[in-house]
C-alpha atoms as a PDB file:
ATOM      1  CA  MET A   1    -139.540-139.829 188.398  1.00  0.00           C
ATOM      2  CA  THR A   2    -139.217-142.130 191.403  1.00  0.00           C
ATOM      3  CA  LYS A   3    -135.743-143.448 191.932  1.00  0.00           C
ATOM      4  CA  GLY A   4    -135.340-147.134 192.512  1.00  0.00           C
ATOM      5  CA  LYS A   5    -132.353-148.829 194.049  1.00  0.00           C
ATOM      6  CA  LEU A   6    -129.082-149.752 192.370  1.00  0.00           C
ATOM      7  CA  ILE A   7    -127.581-153.179 193.001  1.00  0.00           C
ATOM      8  CA  VAL A   8    -124.001-153.582 191.802  1.00  0.00           C
ATOM      9  CA  PHE A   9    -122.280-156.961 191.478  1.00  0.00           C
ATOM     10  CA  SER A  10    -118.553-156.794 190.728  1.00  0.00           C
ATOM     11  CA  ALA A  11    -115.845-159.443 190.760  1.00  0.00           C
ATOM     12  CA  PRO A  12    -112.876-160.813 188.900  1.00  0.00           C
ATOM     13  CA  SER A  13    -113.849-162.765 185.778  1.00  0.00           C
ATOM     14  CA  GLY A  14    -114.780-166.331 186.731  1.00  0.00           C
ATOM     15  CA  SER A  15    -115.968-165.544 190.278  1.00  0.00           C
ATOM     16  CA  GLY A  16    -119.625-166.332 189.515  1.00  0.00           C
ATOM     17  CA  LYS A  17    -121.130-162.834 189.494  1.00  0.00           C
ATOM     18  CA  THR A  18    -122.968-163.317 186.187  1.00  0.00           C
ATOM     19  CA  THR A  19    -124.513-166.565 187.436  1.00  0.00           C
ATOM     20  CA  ILE A  20    -125.640-164.803 190.641  1.00  0.00           C
ATOM     21  CA  VAL A  21    -127.093-161.826 188.731  1.00  0.00           C
ATOM     22  CA  ARG A  22    -129.018-164.130 186.356  1.00  0.00           C
ATOM     23  CA  HIS A  23    -130.426-166.012 189.362  1.00  0.00           C
ATOM     24  CA  LEU A  24    -131.583-162.760 191.003  1.00  0.00           C
ATOM     25  CA  LEU A  25    -133.213-161.546 187.772  1.00  0.00           C
ATOM     26  CA  GLY A  26    -135.345-164.698 187.831  1.00  0.00           C
ATOM     27  CA  ILE A  27    -136.915-163.746 191.183  1.00  0.00           C
ATOM     28  CA  ASP A  28    -139.949-161.601 190.281  1.00  0.00           C
ATOM     29  CA  SER A  29    -140.537-160.345 193.845  1.00  0.00           C
ATOM     30  CA  LEU A  30    -137.179-158.500 193.771  1.00  0.00           C
ATOM     31  CA  ASN A  31    -138.467-156.278 190.911  1.00  0.00           C
ATOM     32  CA  LEU A  32    -135.074-156.075 189.179  1.00  0.00           C
ATOM     33  CA  GLU A  33    -134.068-155.220 185.644  1.00  0.00           C
ATOM     34  CA  PHE A  34    -130.615-155.635 184.152  1.00  0.00           C
ATOM     35  CA  SER A  35    -128.668-152.538 183.136  1.00  0.00           C
ATOM     36  CA  ILE A  36    -127.403-152.976 179.578  1.00  0.00           C
ATOM     37  CA  SER A  37    -123.958-151.424 179.148  1.00  0.00           C
ATOM     38  CA  ALA A  38    -122.782-149.411 176.173  1.00  0.00           C
ATOM     39  CA  THR A  39    -119.579-150.328 174.352  1.00  0.00           C
ATOM     40  CA  SER A  40    -117.568-149.181 171.374  1.00  0.00           C
ATOM     41  CA  ARG A  41    -116.241-152.658 170.622  1.00  0.00           C
ATOM     42  CA  GLU A  42    -117.514-154.721 167.702  1.00  0.00           C
ATOM     43  CA  LYS A  43    -120.376-157.194 168.144  1.00  0.00           C
ATOM     44  CA  ARG A  44    -119.297-160.779 168.797  1.00  0.00           C
ATOM     45  CA  GLY A  45    -121.163-163.786 167.461  1.00  0.00           C
ATOM     46  CA  GLU A  46    -124.898-163.553 168.028  1.00  0.00           C
ATOM     47  CA  GLU A  47    -124.849-160.406 170.193  1.00  0.00           C
ATOM     48  CA  VAL A  48    -127.795-158.060 169.707  1.00  0.00           C
ATOM     49  CA  HIS A  49    -127.811-154.256 170.013  1.00  0.00           C
ATOM     50  CA  GLY A  50    -130.091-153.224 172.887  1.00  0.00           C
ATOM     51  CA  LYS A  51    -130.072-156.699 174.433  1.00  0.00           C
ATOM     52  CA  ASP A  52    -126.441-157.627 175.076  1.00  0.00           C
ATOM     53  CA  TYR A  53    -124.973-154.127 174.758  1.00  0.00           C
ATOM     54  CA  TYR A  54    -125.700-150.771 173.195  1.00  0.00           C
ATOM     55  CA  PHE A  55    -123.101-150.855 170.415  1.00  0.00           C
ATOM     56  CA  LEU A  56    -121.735-147.395 169.593  1.00  0.00           C
ATOM     57  CA  SER A  57    -118.874-146.235 167.428  1.00  0.00           C
ATOM     58  CA  ALA A  58    -115.889-144.761 169.290  1.00  0.00           C
ATOM     59  CA  HIS A  59    -116.958-141.358 167.921  1.00  0.00           C
ATOM     60  CA  GLU A  60    -120.528-141.762 169.241  1.00  0.00           C
ATOM     61  CA  PHE A  61    -119.206-142.935 172.612  1.00  0.00           C
ATOM     62  CA  LYS A  62    -116.838-139.953 172.927  1.00  0.00           C
ATOM     63  CA  ASN A  63    -119.668-137.599 171.960  1.00  0.00           C
ATOM     64  CA  LYS A  64    -121.858-139.031 174.739  1.00  0.00           C
ATOM     65  CA  ILE A  65    -118.962-138.590 177.200  1.00  0.00           C
ATOM     66  CA  LYS A  66    -118.635-134.955 176.095  1.00  0.00           C
ATOM     67  CA  HIS A  67    -122.369-134.410 176.699  1.00  0.00           C
ATOM     68  CA  ASP A  68    -122.237-136.079 180.159  1.00  0.00           C
ATOM     69  CA  GLU A  69    -124.597-138.916 179.156  1.00  0.00           C
ATOM     70  CA  PHE A  70    -122.816-141.615 181.187  1.00  0.00           C
ATOM     71  CA  LEU A  71    -123.243-142.564 184.825  1.00  0.00           C
ATOM     72  CA  GLU A  72    -119.797-144.167 184.577  1.00  0.00           C
ATOM     73  CA  TRP A  73    -117.466-145.133 181.752  1.00  0.00           C
ATOM     74  CA  GLU A  74    -113.999-146.487 181.131  1.00  0.00           C
ATOM     75  CA  GLU A  75    -111.602-146.721 178.200  1.00  0.00           C
ATOM     76  CA  VAL A  76    -110.360-150.306 178.538  1.00  0.00           C
ATOM     77  CA  TYR A  77    -108.023-150.137 175.540  1.00  0.00           C
ATOM     78  CA  ARG A  78    -107.485-147.315 173.059  1.00  0.00           C
ATOM     79  CA  ASP A  79    -110.932-146.409 171.604  1.00  0.00           C
ATOM     80  CA  ASN A  80    -112.460-149.457 173.328  1.00  0.00           C
ATOM     81  CA  PHE A  81    -114.984-147.995 175.765  1.00  0.00           C
ATOM     82  CA  TYR A  82    -117.544-149.475 178.151  1.00  0.00           C
ATOM     83  CA  GLY A  83    -120.034-147.538 180.239  1.00  0.00           C
ATOM     84  CA  THR A  84    -123.479-147.120 181.751  1.00  0.00           C
ATOM     85  CA  LEU A  85    -125.781-144.621 180.082  1.00  0.00           C
ATOM     86  CA  LYS A  86    -127.812-142.415 182.438  1.00  0.00           C
ATOM     87  CA  ALA A  87    -130.770-142.962 180.092  1.00  0.00           C
ATOM     88  CA  GLU A  88    -130.564-146.733 180.743  1.00  0.00           C
ATOM     89  CA  VAL A  89    -130.961-146.275 184.503  1.00  0.00           C
ATOM     90  CA  GLU A  90    -133.751-143.716 183.971  1.00  0.00           C
ATOM     91  CA  ARG A  91    -135.530-146.141 181.596  1.00  0.00           C
ATOM     92  CA  ILE A  92    -135.539-148.871 184.249  1.00  0.00           C
ATOM     93  CA  TRP A  93    -136.547-146.516 187.082  1.00  0.00           C
ATOM     94  CA  ALA A  94    -139.422-145.189 184.916  1.00  0.00           C
ATOM     95  CA  LYS A  95    -140.776-148.762 184.885  1.00  0.00           C
ATOM     96  CA  GLY A  96    -140.750-148.737 188.710  1.00  0.00           C
ATOM     97  CA  LYS A  97    -137.947-151.289 188.882  1.00  0.00           C
ATOM     98  CA  HIS A  98    -134.584-151.537 190.642  1.00  0.00           C
ATOM     99  CA  VAL A  99    -131.422-151.640 188.522  1.00  0.00           C
ATOM    100  CA  ILE A 100    -128.988-154.546 188.790  1.00  0.00           C
ATOM    101  CA  PHE A 101    -125.484-154.322 187.337  1.00  0.00           C
ATOM    102  CA  ASP A 102    -122.938-157.000 186.400  1.00  0.00           C
ATOM    103  CA  ILE A 103    -120.039-154.610 186.074  1.00  0.00           C
ATOM    104  CA  ASP A 104    -116.290-154.330 186.539  1.00  0.00           C
ATOM    105  CA  VAL A 105    -114.848-153.255 189.877  1.00  0.00           C
ATOM    106  CA  SER A 106    -113.969-149.667 188.953  1.00  0.00           C
ATOM    107  CA  GLY A 107    -117.383-149.021 187.351  1.00  0.00           C
ATOM    108  CA  GLY A 108    -119.166-150.512 190.354  1.00  0.00           C
ATOM    109  CA  LEU A 109    -117.268-148.282 192.778  1.00  0.00           C
ATOM    110  CA  ARG A 110    -117.982-145.184 190.651  1.00  0.00           C
ATOM    111  CA  ILE A 111    -121.729-145.916 190.810  1.00  0.00           C
ATOM    112  CA  LYS A 112    -121.502-146.387 194.597  1.00  0.00           C
ATOM    113  CA  ARG A 113    -119.706-143.013 194.943  1.00  0.00           C
ATOM    114  CA  LYS A 114    -122.350-141.215 192.835  1.00  0.00           C
ATOM    115  CA  PHE A 115    -125.349-142.814 194.585  1.00  0.00           C
ATOM    116  CA  PRO A 116    -124.093-143.846 198.044  1.00  0.00           C
ATOM    117  CA  GLU A 117    -127.538-144.229 199.654  1.00  0.00           C
ATOM    118  CA  GLU A 118    -129.330-145.879 196.721  1.00  0.00           C
ATOM    119  CA  THR A 119    -126.575-148.415 195.940  1.00  0.00           C
ATOM    120  CA  LEU A 120    -125.770-151.824 197.363  1.00  0.00           C
ATOM    121  CA  ALA A 121    -122.277-152.715 196.114  1.00  0.00           C
ATOM    122  CA  VAL A 122    -121.507-156.437 196.333  1.00  0.00           C
ATOM    123  CA  PHE A 123    -118.115-157.974 195.622  1.00  0.00           C
ATOM    124  CA  VAL A 124    -118.125-161.665 194.669  1.00  0.00           C
ATOM    125  CA  LYS A 125    -114.894-163.258 195.838  1.00  0.00           C
ATOM    126  CA  PRO A 126    -113.606-166.559 194.435  1.00  0.00           C
ATOM    127  CA  PRO A 127    -112.203-169.152 196.870  1.00  0.00           C
ATOM    128  CA  SER A 128    -108.667-168.524 195.558  1.00  0.00           C
ATOM    129  CA  ILE A 129    -106.701-167.336 192.536  1.00  0.00           C
ATOM    130  CA  ASP A 130    -105.943-170.976 191.722  1.00  0.00           C
ATOM    131  CA  GLU A 131    -109.658-171.852 191.721  1.00  0.00           C
ATOM    132  CA  LEU A 132    -110.325-168.801 189.523  1.00  0.00           C
ATOM    133  CA  LYS A 133    -107.786-170.058 186.982  1.00  0.00           C
ATOM    134  CA  ILE A 134    -109.430-173.522 186.988  1.00  0.00           C
ATOM    135  CA  ARG A 135    -112.872-171.955 186.388  1.00  0.00           C
ATOM    136  CA  LEU A 136    -111.598-169.791 183.526  1.00  0.00           C
ATOM    137  CA  LYS A 137    -109.916-172.791 181.873  1.00  0.00           C
ATOM    138  CA  LYS A 138    -113.117-174.880 182.200  1.00  0.00           C
ATOM    139  CA  ARG A 139    -115.013-172.255 180.178  1.00  0.00           C
ATOM    140  CA  LYS A 140    -112.815-173.070 177.156  1.00  0.00           C
ATOM    141  CA  THR A 141    -113.630-169.655 175.685  1.00  0.00           C
ATOM    142  CA  GLU A 142    -110.247-167.932 175.902  1.00  0.00           C
ATOM    143  CA  SER A 143    -106.579-168.481 175.109  1.00  0.00           C
ATOM    144  CA  GLU A 144    -103.986-169.185 177.821  1.00  0.00           C
ATOM    145  CA  ASP A 145    -102.639-165.617 177.344  1.00  0.00           C
ATOM    146  CA  LYS A 146    -106.102-164.107 177.881  1.00  0.00           C
ATOM    147  CA  ILE A 147    -106.635-166.264 180.982  1.00  0.00           C
ATOM    148  CA  ASN A 148    -103.263-165.128 182.372  1.00  0.00           C
ATOM    149  CA  MET A 149    -104.239-161.490 181.708  1.00  0.00           C
ATOM    150  CA  ARG A 150    -107.505-162.021 183.618  1.00  0.00           C
ATOM    151  CA  ILE A 151    -105.664-163.679 186.525  1.00  0.00           C
ATOM    152  CA  ALA A 152    -103.189-160.781 186.726  1.00  0.00           C
ATOM    153  CA  LYS A 153    -106.094-158.306 186.750  1.00  0.00           C
ATOM    154  CA  ALA A 154    -107.919-160.398 189.387  1.00  0.00           C
ATOM    155  CA  SER A 155    -105.207-159.768 191.995  1.00  0.00           C
ATOM    156  CA  ALA A 156    -105.688-156.013 191.679  1.00  0.00           C
ATOM    157  CA  GLU A 157    -109.480-156.411 191.715  1.00  0.00           C
ATOM    158  CA  LEU A 158    -109.380-158.569 194.862  1.00  0.00           C
ATOM    159  CA  ALA A 159    -107.535-155.747 196.640  1.00  0.00           C
ATOM    160  CA  THR A 160    -110.602-153.502 196.145  1.00  0.00           C
ATOM    161  CA  ALA A 161    -113.017-155.925 197.868  1.00  0.00           C
ATOM    162  CA  PRO A 162    -112.999-154.020 201.218  1.00  0.00           C
ATOM    163  CA  LEU A 163    -114.321-150.902 199.400  1.00  0.00           C
ATOM    164  CA  PHE A 164    -117.629-152.689 198.688  1.00  0.00           C
ATOM    165  CA  ASP A 165    -120.599-152.837 201.084  1.00  0.00           C
ATOM    166  CA  VAL A 166    -120.600-156.634 201.206  1.00  0.00           C
ATOM    167  CA  ILE A 167    -118.302-159.467 200.130  1.00  0.00           C
ATOM    168  CA  ILE A 168    -119.869-162.775 199.122  1.00  0.00           C
ATOM    169  CA  GLU A 169    -117.316-165.583 199.145  1.00  0.00           C
ATOM    170  CA  ASN A 170    -118.312-167.967 196.375  1.00  0.00           C
ATOM    171  CA  HIS A 171    -116.916-171.298 197.660  1.00  0.00           C
ATOM    172  CA  ASP A 172    -120.317-172.965 197.230  1.00  0.00           C
ATOM    173  CA  LEU A 173    -122.596-171.543 194.500  1.00  0.00           C
ATOM    174  CA  ASP A 174    -125.868-172.600 196.194  1.00  0.00           C
ATOM    175  CA  LYS A 175    -124.857-170.811 199.412  1.00  0.00           C
ATOM    176  CA  ALA A 176    -123.691-167.747 197.457  1.00  0.00           C
ATOM    177  CA  LEU A 177    -127.058-167.579 195.627  1.00  0.00           C
ATOM    178  CA  ILE A 178    -129.001-167.741 198.910  1.00  0.00           C
ATOM    179  CA  GLU A 179    -126.762-165.092 200.494  1.00  0.00           C
ATOM    180  CA  ALA A 180    -127.175-162.785 197.472  1.00  0.00           C
ATOM    181  CA  GLU A 181    -130.944-163.296 197.509  1.00  0.00           C
ATOM    182  CA  HIS A 182    -131.209-162.327 201.200  1.00  0.00           C
ATOM    183  CA  LEU A 183    -128.927-159.306 200.772  1.00  0.00           C
ATOM    184  CA  VAL A 184    -130.850-157.925 197.789  1.00  0.00           C
ATOM    185  CA  LYS A 185    -134.280-158.678 199.291  1.00  0.00           C
ATOM    186  CA  ASN A 186    -133.389-156.820 202.506  1.00  0.00           C
ATOM    187  CA  PHE A 187    -131.913-153.895 200.555  1.00  0.00           C
ATOM    188  CA  VAL A 188    -134.820-153.385 198.127  1.00  0.00           C
ATOM    189  CA  ASN A 189    -137.333-153.656 200.975  1.00  0.00           C
ATOM    190  CA  SER A 190    -135.523-151.196 203.265  1.00  0.00           C
END
């Protein structure tokens, strides 16, 4: 099987990485497909197995860990796992496409360590912690406590930015989208 490239986008919640990834997926010439993560958490709302996540029980997830079926994984809370199945990457590569990830910082860095030559690791940096808090509040999807937890985690995540290949500072979304487009286009065509 021919290996494609791996494009990792990581950032603190609210930095704009999901918006950037969605934009890139809409550009056919980049030949990208989104990597669907596996999780042991319950479905929320209208989420669909195989589209939003691969929903597994904690037992199934642990069994897949034991059989080395993950490219990377993390236990976020007790028995609450997230990870990238090797089979997911192989499925996308078999279609002749490049894999794009919208993934947390630690997972993104693990992928980069496993595939240093095939991976472009991009960190999306918000203008400031204060701006991040404003963006998270505007979403109106989480409690004040949850927002404060995300802000606390963001400080630690921002410290990892220099470990990534490239940092995109998202002060202006249009500029960030153009920068991401150029970066990915150059990488997949190299």
